[in-house]
Amino acid sequence: MTIAINRKKLLDIYRKELLYELHKASECIKLFEKKYGKSFKEFEKEIKSKPEDFEVWDDYMEWKACIKSAESLKEELKELEN
């Protein structure tokens, strides 16, 4: 039995996976914006001027990772569509 997948179908599957991952990253960002009631830039500026709070810094690192992931995924989607 031979399974054949053409390039167009494979790219479509990959595109859908990227969109799914982008959606997850975007939801992560929205959750932190809702939790702290501010943008990442505002949050970053605020926490860097205060004494360390490990829970808040954990959120900062995760939020930053979600943003970097979303940016990377958007770039990948852009490249895929060109």
PDB file of N, CA and C in Angstrom:
ATOM      1  N   MET A   1       0.851  -1.183   0.000  1.00  0.00           N
ATOM      2  CA  MET A   1       0.000   0.000   0.000  1.00  0.00           C
ATOM      3  C   MET A   1       0.892   1.239   0.000  1.00  0.00           C
ATOM      4  N   THR A   2       0.613   2.149  -0.900  1.00  0.00           N
ATOM      5  CA  THR A   2       1.396   3.368  -1.035  1.00  0.00           C
ATOM      6  C   THR A   2       0.537   4.566  -0.659  1.00  0.00           C
ATOM      7  N   ILE A   3       1.114   5.426   0.152  1.00  0.00           N
ATOM      8  CA  ILE A   3       0.424   6.658   0.535  1.00  0.00           C
ATOM      9  C   ILE A   3       1.119   7.805  -0.160  1.00  0.00           C
ATOM     10  N   ALA A   4       0.341   8.591  -0.885  1.00  0.00           N
ATOM     11  CA  ALA A   4       0.913   9.735  -1.600  1.00  0.00           C
ATOM     12  C   ALA A   4       0.300  11.025  -1.069  1.00  0.00           C
ATOM     13  N   ILE A   5       1.172  11.928  -0.716  1.00  0.00           N
ATOM     14  CA  ILE A   5       0.716  13.238  -0.257  1.00  0.00           C
ATOM     15  C   ILE A   5       1.358  14.268  -1.174  1.00  0.00           C
ATOM     16  N   ASN A   6       0.531  15.065  -1.791  1.00  0.00           N
ATOM     17  CA  ASN A   6       1.121  16.062  -2.684  1.00  0.00           C
ATOM     18  C   ASN A   6       1.588  17.288  -1.897  1.00  0.00           C
ATOM     19  N   ARG A   7       2.427  18.065  -2.517  1.00  0.00           N
ATOM     20  CA  ARG A   7       3.051  19.225  -1.879  1.00  0.00           C
ATOM     21  C   ARG A   7       2.021  20.231  -1.371  1.00  0.00           C
ATOM     22  N   LYS A   8       0.973  20.476  -2.167  1.00  0.00           N
ATOM     23  CA  LYS A   8      -0.055  21.447  -1.792  1.00  0.00           C
ATOM     24  C   LYS A   8      -0.763  21.020  -0.495  1.00  0.00           C
ATOM     25  N   LYS A   9      -1.109  19.738  -0.403  1.00  0.00           N
ATOM     26  CA  LYS A   9      -1.780  19.249   0.808  1.00  0.00           C
ATOM     27  C   LYS A   9      -0.862  19.327   2.022  1.00  0.00           C
ATOM     28  N   LEU A  10       0.384  18.992   1.814  1.00  0.00           N
ATOM     29  CA  LEU A  10       1.347  19.040   2.902  1.00  0.00           C
ATOM     30  C   LEU A  10       1.540  20.470   3.408  1.00  0.00           C
ATOM     31  N   LEU A  11       1.651  21.423   2.493  1.00  0.00           N
ATOM     32  CA  LEU A  11       1.785  22.830   2.880  1.00  0.00           C
ATOM     33  C   LEU A  11       0.533  23.331   3.588  1.00  0.00           C
ATOM     34  N   ASP A  12      -0.619  22.850   3.162  1.00  0.00           N
ATOM     35  CA  ASP A  12      -1.877  23.246   3.806  1.00  0.00           C
ATOM     36  C   ASP A  12      -1.933  22.716   5.244  1.00  0.00           C
ATOM     37  N   ILE A  13      -1.504  21.485   5.435  1.00  0.00           N
ATOM     38  CA  ILE A  13      -1.463  20.912   6.787  1.00  0.00           C
ATOM     39  C   ILE A  13      -0.513  21.720   7.661  1.00  0.00           C
ATOM     40  N   TYR A  14       0.661  22.040   7.126  1.00  0.00           N
ATOM     41  CA  TYR A  14       1.649  22.813   7.870  1.00  0.00           C
ATOM     42  C   TYR A  14       1.112  24.204   8.217  1.00  0.00           C
ATOM     43  N   ARG A  15       0.452  24.846   7.262  1.00  0.00           N
ATOM     44  CA  ARG A  15      -0.145  26.173   7.478  1.00  0.00           C
ATOM     45  C   ARG A  15      -1.175  26.119   8.607  1.00  0.00           C
ATOM     46  N   LYS A  16      -2.007  25.087   8.600  1.00  0.00           N
ATOM     47  CA  LYS A  16      -3.022  24.942   9.647  1.00  0.00           C
ATOM     48  C   LYS A  16      -2.380  24.727  11.013  1.00  0.00           C
ATOM     49  N   GLU A  17      -1.295  23.977  11.055  1.00  0.00           N
ATOM     50  CA  GLU A  17      -0.578  23.770  12.314  1.00  0.00           C
ATOM     51  C   GLU A  17      -0.002  25.092  12.825  1.00  0.00           C
ATOM     52  N   LEU A  18       0.565  25.893  11.922  1.00  0.00           N
ATOM     53  CA  LEU A  18       1.097  27.199  12.309  1.00  0.00           C
ATOM     54  C   LEU A  18      -0.012  28.107  12.837  1.00  0.00           C
ATOM     55  N   LEU A  19      -1.162  28.098  12.173  1.00  0.00           N
ATOM     56  CA  LEU A  19      -2.295  28.915  12.618  1.00  0.00           C
ATOM     57  C   LEU A  19      -2.784  28.477  13.999  1.00  0.00           C
ATOM     58  N   TYR A  20      -2.803  27.178  14.228  1.00  0.00           N
ATOM     59  CA  TYR A  20      -3.214  26.654  15.535  1.00  0.00           C
ATOM     60  C   TYR A  20      -2.244  27.125  16.627  1.00  0.00           C
ATOM     61  N   GLU A  21      -0.951  27.000  16.364  1.00  0.00           N
ATOM     62  CA  GLU A  21       0.059  27.421  17.336  1.00  0.00           C
ATOM     63  C   GLU A  21      -0.002  28.935  17.566  1.00  0.00           C
ATOM     64  N   LEU A  22      -0.253  29.693  16.504  1.00  0.00           N
ATOM     65  CA  LEU A  22      -0.394  31.147  16.634  1.00  0.00           C
ATOM     66  C   LEU A  22      -1.608  31.493  17.488  1.00  0.00           C
ATOM     67  N   HIS A  23      -2.678  30.759  17.302  1.00  0.00           N
ATOM     68  CA  HIS A  23      -3.884  30.983  18.113  1.00  0.00           C
ATOM     69  C   HIS A  23      -3.582  30.728  19.595  1.00  0.00           C
ATOM     70  N   LYS A  24      -2.871  29.651  19.895  1.00  0.00           N
ATOM     71  CA  LYS A  24      -2.508  29.351  21.290  1.00  0.00           C
ATOM     72  C   LYS A  24      -1.650  30.459  21.886  1.00  0.00           C
ATOM     73  N   ALA A  25      -0.668  30.941  21.126  1.00  0.00           N
ATOM     74  CA  ALA A  25       0.204  32.013  21.620  1.00  0.00           C
ATOM     75  C   ALA A  25      -0.605  33.296  21.840  1.00  0.00           C
ATOM     76  N   SER A  26      -1.512  33.588  20.920  1.00  0.00           N
ATOM     77  CA  SER A  26      -2.344  34.792  21.045  1.00  0.00           C
ATOM     78  C   SER A  26      -3.257  34.721  22.258  1.00  0.00           C
ATOM     79  N   GLU A  27      -3.800  33.551  22.527  1.00  0.00           N
ATOM     80  CA  GLU A  27      -4.651  33.370  23.705  1.00  0.00           C
ATOM     81  C   GLU A  27      -3.835  33.541  24.989  1.00  0.00           C
ATOM     82  N   CYS A  28      -2.629  33.054  24.977  1.00  0.00           N
ATOM     83  CA  CYS A  28      -1.729  33.225  26.126  1.00  0.00           C
ATOM     84  C   CYS A  28      -1.505  34.714  26.389  1.00  0.00           C
ATOM     85  N   ILE A  29      -1.235  35.461  25.349  1.00  0.00           N
ATOM     86  CA  ILE A  29      -1.009  36.906  25.463  1.00  0.00           C
ATOM     87  C   ILE A  29      -2.253  37.596  26.019  1.00  0.00           C
ATOM     88  N   LYS A  30      -3.419  37.238  25.492  1.00  0.00           N
ATOM     89  CA  LYS A  30      -4.675  37.837  25.952  1.00  0.00           C
ATOM     90  C   LYS A  30      -4.930  37.553  27.440  1.00  0.00           C
ATOM     91  N   LEU A  31      -4.606  36.336  27.869  1.00  0.00           N
ATOM     92  CA  LEU A  31      -4.806  35.984  29.277  1.00  0.00           C
ATOM     93  C   LEU A  31      -3.957  36.855  30.194  1.00  0.00           C
ATOM     94  N   PHE A  32      -2.702  37.085  29.817  1.00  0.00           N
ATOM     95  CA  PHE A  32      -1.840  37.930  30.639  1.00  0.00           C
ATOM     96  C   PHE A  32      -2.287  39.391  30.591  1.00  0.00           C
ATOM     97  N   GLU A  33      -2.724  39.851  29.438  1.00  0.00           N
ATOM     98  CA  GLU A  33      -3.229  41.229  29.353  1.00  0.00           C
ATOM     99  C   GLU A  33      -4.447  41.402  30.251  1.00  0.00           C
ATOM    100  N   LYS A  34      -5.303  40.383  30.282  1.00  0.00           N
ATOM    101  CA  LYS A  34      -6.491  40.448  31.133  1.00  0.00           C
ATOM    102  C   LYS A  34      -6.094  40.352  32.614  1.00  0.00           C
ATOM    103  N   LYS A  35      -5.183  39.448  32.932  1.00  0.00           N
ATOM    104  CA  LYS A  35      -4.760  39.247  34.319  1.00  0.00           C
ATOM    105  C   LYS A  35      -4.159  40.513  34.911  1.00  0.00           C
ATOM    106  N   TYR A  36      -3.323  41.205  34.139  1.00  0.00           N
ATOM    107  CA  TYR A  36      -2.624  42.382  34.657  1.00  0.00           C
ATOM    108  C   TYR A  36      -3.243  43.707  34.215  1.00  0.00           C
ATOM    109  N   GLY A  37      -4.207  43.654  33.293  1.00  0.00           N
ATOM    110  CA  GLY A  37      -4.905  44.869  32.872  1.00  0.00           C
ATOM    111  C   GLY A  37      -4.017  45.877  32.169  1.00  0.00           C
ATOM    112  N   LYS A  38      -3.016  45.380  31.446  1.00  0.00           N
ATOM    113  CA  LYS A  38      -2.099  46.285  30.743  1.00  0.00           C
ATOM    114  C   LYS A  38      -1.376  45.530  29.637  1.00  0.00           C
ATOM    115  N   SER A  39      -0.696  46.292  28.803  1.00  0.00           N
ATOM    116  CA  SER A  39       0.091  45.691  27.731  1.00  0.00           C
ATOM    117  C   SER A  39       1.386  45.120  28.294  1.00  0.00           C
ATOM    118  N   PHE A  40       2.043  44.306  27.504  1.00  0.00           N
ATOM    119  CA  PHE A  40       3.314  43.728  27.931  1.00  0.00           C
ATOM    120  C   PHE A  40       4.346  44.812  28.193  1.00  0.00           C
ATOM    121  N   LYS A  41       4.424  45.806  27.325  1.00  0.00           N
ATOM    122  CA  LYS A  41       5.403  46.890  27.492  1.00  0.00           C
ATOM    123  C   LYS A  41       5.196  47.614  28.825  1.00  0.00           C
ATOM    124  N   GLU A  42       3.940  47.918  29.154  1.00  0.00           N
ATOM    125  CA  GLU A  42       3.634  48.581  30.428  1.00  0.00           C
ATOM    126  C   GLU A  42       4.020  47.684  31.608  1.00  0.00           C
ATOM    127  N   PHE A  43       3.673  46.394  31.483  1.00  0.00           N
ATOM    128  CA  PHE A  43       3.977  45.425  32.525  1.00  0.00           C
ATOM    129  C   PHE A  43       5.491  45.296  32.722  1.00  0.00           C
ATOM    130  N   GLU A  44       6.213  45.204  31.629  1.00  0.00           N
ATOM    131  CA  GLU A  44       7.668  45.058  31.682  1.00  0.00           C
ATOM    132  C   GLU A  44       8.319  46.262  32.365  1.00  0.00           C
ATOM    133  N   LYS A  45       7.883  47.429  31.991  1.00  0.00           N
ATOM    134  CA  LYS A  45       8.424  48.651  32.593  1.00  0.00           C
ATOM    135  C   LYS A  45       8.158  48.676  34.098  1.00  0.00           C
ATOM    136  N   GLU A  46       6.950  48.285  34.484  1.00  0.00           N
ATOM    137  CA  GLU A  46       6.554  48.296  35.897  1.00  0.00           C
ATOM    138  C   GLU A  46       7.361  47.302  36.731  1.00  0.00           C
ATOM    139  N   ILE A  47       7.493  46.065  36.253  1.00  0.00           N
ATOM    140  CA  ILE A  47       8.166  45.063  37.090  1.00  0.00           C
ATOM    141  C   ILE A  47       9.669  45.288  37.172  1.00  0.00           C
ATOM    142  N   LYS A  48      10.232  45.940  36.180  1.00  0.00           N
ATOM    143  CA  LYS A  48      11.675  46.198  36.216  1.00  0.00           C
ATOM    144  C   LYS A  48      12.027  47.313  37.196  1.00  0.00           C
ATOM    145  N   SER A  49      11.000  48.054  37.627  1.00  0.00           N
ATOM    146  CA  SER A  49      11.245  49.143  38.568  1.00  0.00           C
ATOM    147  C   SER A  49      10.895  48.768  40.009  1.00  0.00           C
ATOM    148  N   LYS A  50      10.480  47.517  40.225  1.00  0.00           N
ATOM    149  CA  LYS A  50      10.072  47.065  41.562  1.00  0.00           C
ATOM    150  C   LYS A  50      10.995  45.955  42.043  1.00  0.00           C
ATOM    151  N   PRO A  51      10.968  45.675  43.360  1.00  0.00           N
ATOM    152  CA  PRO A  51      11.719  44.518  43.866  1.00  0.00           C
ATOM    153  C   PRO A  51      11.188  43.227  43.230  1.00  0.00           C
ATOM    154  N   GLU A  52      12.057  42.237  43.113  1.00  0.00           N
ATOM    155  CA  GLU A  52      11.670  40.981  42.469  1.00  0.00           C
ATOM    156  C   GLU A  52      10.564  40.253  43.217  1.00  0.00           C
ATOM    157  N   ASP A  53       9.612  39.787  42.439  1.00  0.00           N
ATOM    158  CA  ASP A  53       8.536  38.924  42.915  1.00  0.00           C
ATOM    159  C   ASP A  53       8.562  37.727  41.973  1.00  0.00           C
ATOM    160  N   PHE A  54       8.962  36.560  42.482  1.00  0.00           N
ATOM    161  CA  PHE A  54       9.194  35.414  41.612  1.00  0.00           C
ATOM    162  C   PHE A  54       7.968  34.997  40.809  1.00  0.00           C
ATOM    163  N   GLU A  55       6.794  35.066  41.389  1.00  0.00           N
ATOM    164  CA  GLU A  55       5.576  34.692  40.658  1.00  0.00           C
ATOM    165  C   GLU A  55       5.346  35.650  39.493  1.00  0.00           C
ATOM    166  N   VAL A  56       5.519  36.932  39.754  1.00  0.00           N
ATOM    167  CA  VAL A  56       5.332  37.937  38.705  1.00  0.00           C
ATOM    168  C   VAL A  56       6.404  37.773  37.623  1.00  0.00           C
ATOM    169  N   TRP A  57       7.638  37.491  38.034  1.00  0.00           N
ATOM    170  CA  TRP A  57       8.709  37.285  37.049  1.00  0.00           C
ATOM    171  C   TRP A  57       8.474  36.022  36.221  1.00  0.00           C
ATOM    172  N   ASP A  58       7.897  34.998  36.819  1.00  0.00           N
ATOM    173  CA  ASP A  58       7.535  33.799  36.055  1.00  0.00           C
ATOM    174  C   ASP A  58       6.514  34.156  34.979  1.00  0.00           C
ATOM    175  N   ASP A  59       5.504  34.951  35.359  1.00  0.00           N
ATOM    176  CA  ASP A  59       4.510  35.404  34.385  1.00  0.00           C
ATOM    177  C   ASP A  59       5.172  36.235  33.290  1.00  0.00           C
ATOM    178  N   TYR A  60       6.101  37.099  33.704  1.00  0.00           N
ATOM    179  CA  TYR A  60       6.817  37.936  32.736  1.00  0.00           C
ATOM    180  C   TYR A  60       7.537  37.064  31.701  1.00  0.00           C
ATOM    181  N   MET A  61       8.246  36.049  32.173  1.00  0.00           N
ATOM    182  CA  MET A  61       8.997  35.185  31.259  1.00  0.00           C
ATOM    183  C   MET A  61       8.061  34.408  30.330  1.00  0.00           C
ATOM    184  N   GLU A  62       6.959  33.911  30.865  1.00  0.00           N
ATOM    185  CA  GLU A  62       6.014  33.166  30.029  1.00  0.00           C
ATOM    186  C   GLU A  62       5.340  34.086  29.013  1.00  0.00           C
ATOM    187  N   TRP A  63       4.943  35.274  29.446  1.00  0.00           N
ATOM    188  CA  TRP A  63       4.305  36.247  28.564  1.00  0.00           C
ATOM    189  C   TRP A  63       5.265  36.623  27.435  1.00  0.00           C
ATOM    190  N   LYS A  64       6.503  36.886  27.787  1.00  0.00           N
ATOM    191  CA  LYS A  64       7.518  37.238  26.799  1.00  0.00           C
ATOM    192  C   LYS A  64       7.723  36.093  25.799  1.00  0.00           C
ATOM    193  N   ALA A  65       7.730  34.862  26.286  1.00  0.00           N
ATOM    194  CA  ALA A  65       7.877  33.695  25.416  1.00  0.00           C
ATOM    195  C   ALA A  65       6.693  33.571  24.460  1.00  0.00           C
ATOM    196  N   CYS A  66       5.488  33.855  24.946  1.00  0.00           N
ATOM    197  CA  CYS A  66       4.295  33.799  24.088  1.00  0.00           C
ATOM    198  C   CYS A  66       4.389  34.847  22.976  1.00  0.00           C
ATOM    199  N   ILE A  67       4.865  36.017  23.311  1.00  0.00           N
ATOM    200  CA  ILE A  67       5.014  37.086  22.322  1.00  0.00           C
ATOM    201  C   ILE A  67       6.061  36.701  21.281  1.00  0.00           C
ATOM    202  N   LYS A  68       7.194  36.195  21.722  1.00  0.00           N
ATOM    203  CA  LYS A  68       8.250  35.778  20.788  1.00  0.00           C
ATOM    204  C   LYS A  68       7.764  34.646  19.892  1.00  0.00           C
ATOM    205  N   SER A  69       7.037  33.720  20.470  1.00  0.00           N
ATOM    206  CA  SER A  69       6.482  32.607  19.695  1.00  0.00           C
ATOM    207  C   SER A  69       5.510  33.119  18.630  1.00  0.00           C
ATOM    208  N   ALA A  70       4.626  34.030  19.018  1.00  0.00           N
ATOM    209  CA  ALA A  70       3.653  34.589  18.072  1.00  0.00           C
ATOM    210  C   ALA A  70       4.364  35.318  16.937  1.00  0.00           C
ATOM    211  N   GLU A  71       5.387  36.086  17.258  1.00  0.00           N
ATOM    212  CA  GLU A  71       6.137  36.807  16.231  1.00  0.00           C
ATOM    213  C   GLU A  71       6.806  35.833  15.268  1.00  0.00           C
ATOM    214  N   SER A  72       7.404  34.803  15.802  1.00  0.00           N
ATOM    215  CA  SER A  72       8.081  33.796  14.986  1.00  0.00           C
ATOM    216  C   SER A  72       7.090  33.070  14.073  1.00  0.00           C
ATOM    217  N   LEU A  73       5.946  32.706  14.629  1.00  0.00           N
ATOM    218  CA  LEU A  73       4.927  32.017  13.846  1.00  0.00           C
ATOM    219  C   LEU A  73       4.374  32.903  12.737  1.00  0.00           C
ATOM    220  N   LYS A  74       4.183  34.188  13.016  1.00  0.00           N
ATOM    221  CA  LYS A  74       3.713  35.115  11.987  1.00  0.00           C
ATOM    222  C   LYS A  74       4.720  35.210  10.845  1.00  0.00           C
ATOM    223  N   GLU A  75       6.000  35.246  11.179  1.00  0.00           N
ATOM    224  CA  GLU A  75       7.046  35.289  10.157  1.00  0.00           C
ATOM    225  C   GLU A  75       7.030  34.016   9.315  1.00  0.00           C
ATOM    226  N   GLU A  76       6.881  32.889   9.977  1.00  0.00           N
ATOM    227  CA  GLU A  76       6.847  31.618   9.267  1.00  0.00           C
ATOM    228  C   GLU A  76       5.649  31.544   8.322  1.00  0.00           C
ATOM    229  N   LEU A  77       4.493  32.023   8.795  1.00  0.00           N
ATOM    230  CA  LEU A  77       3.312  32.043   7.932  1.00  0.00           C
ATOM    231  C   LEU A  77       3.521  32.955   6.730  1.00  0.00           C
ATOM    232  N   LYS A  78       4.139  34.099   6.967  1.00  0.00           N
ATOM    233  CA  LYS A  78       4.414  35.036   5.883  1.00  0.00           C
ATOM    234  C   LYS A  78       5.317  34.382   4.825  1.00  0.00           C
ATOM    235  N   GLU A  79       6.355  33.706   5.278  1.00  0.00           N
ATOM    236  CA  GLU A  79       7.270  33.019   4.361  1.00  0.00           C
ATOM    237  C   GLU A  79       6.557  31.911   3.604  1.00  0.00           C
ATOM    238  N   LEU A  80       5.698  31.190   4.292  1.00  0.00           N
ATOM    239  CA  LEU A  80       4.962  30.088   3.661  1.00  0.00           C
ATOM    240  C   LEU A  80       4.032  30.589   2.563  1.00  0.00           C
ATOM    241  N   GLU A  81       3.448  31.744   2.765  1.00  0.00           N
ATOM    242  CA  GLU A  81       2.494  32.281   1.796  1.00  0.00           C
ATOM    243  C   GLU A  81       3.163  32.952   0.611  1.00  0.00           C
ATOM    244  N   ASN A  82       4.468  33.190   0.694  1.00  0.00           N
ATOM    245  CA  ASN A  82       5.193  33.790  -0.441  1.00  0.00           C
ATOM    246  C   ASN A  82       5.750  32.741  -1.369  1.00  0.00           C
TER     247      ASN A  82
END
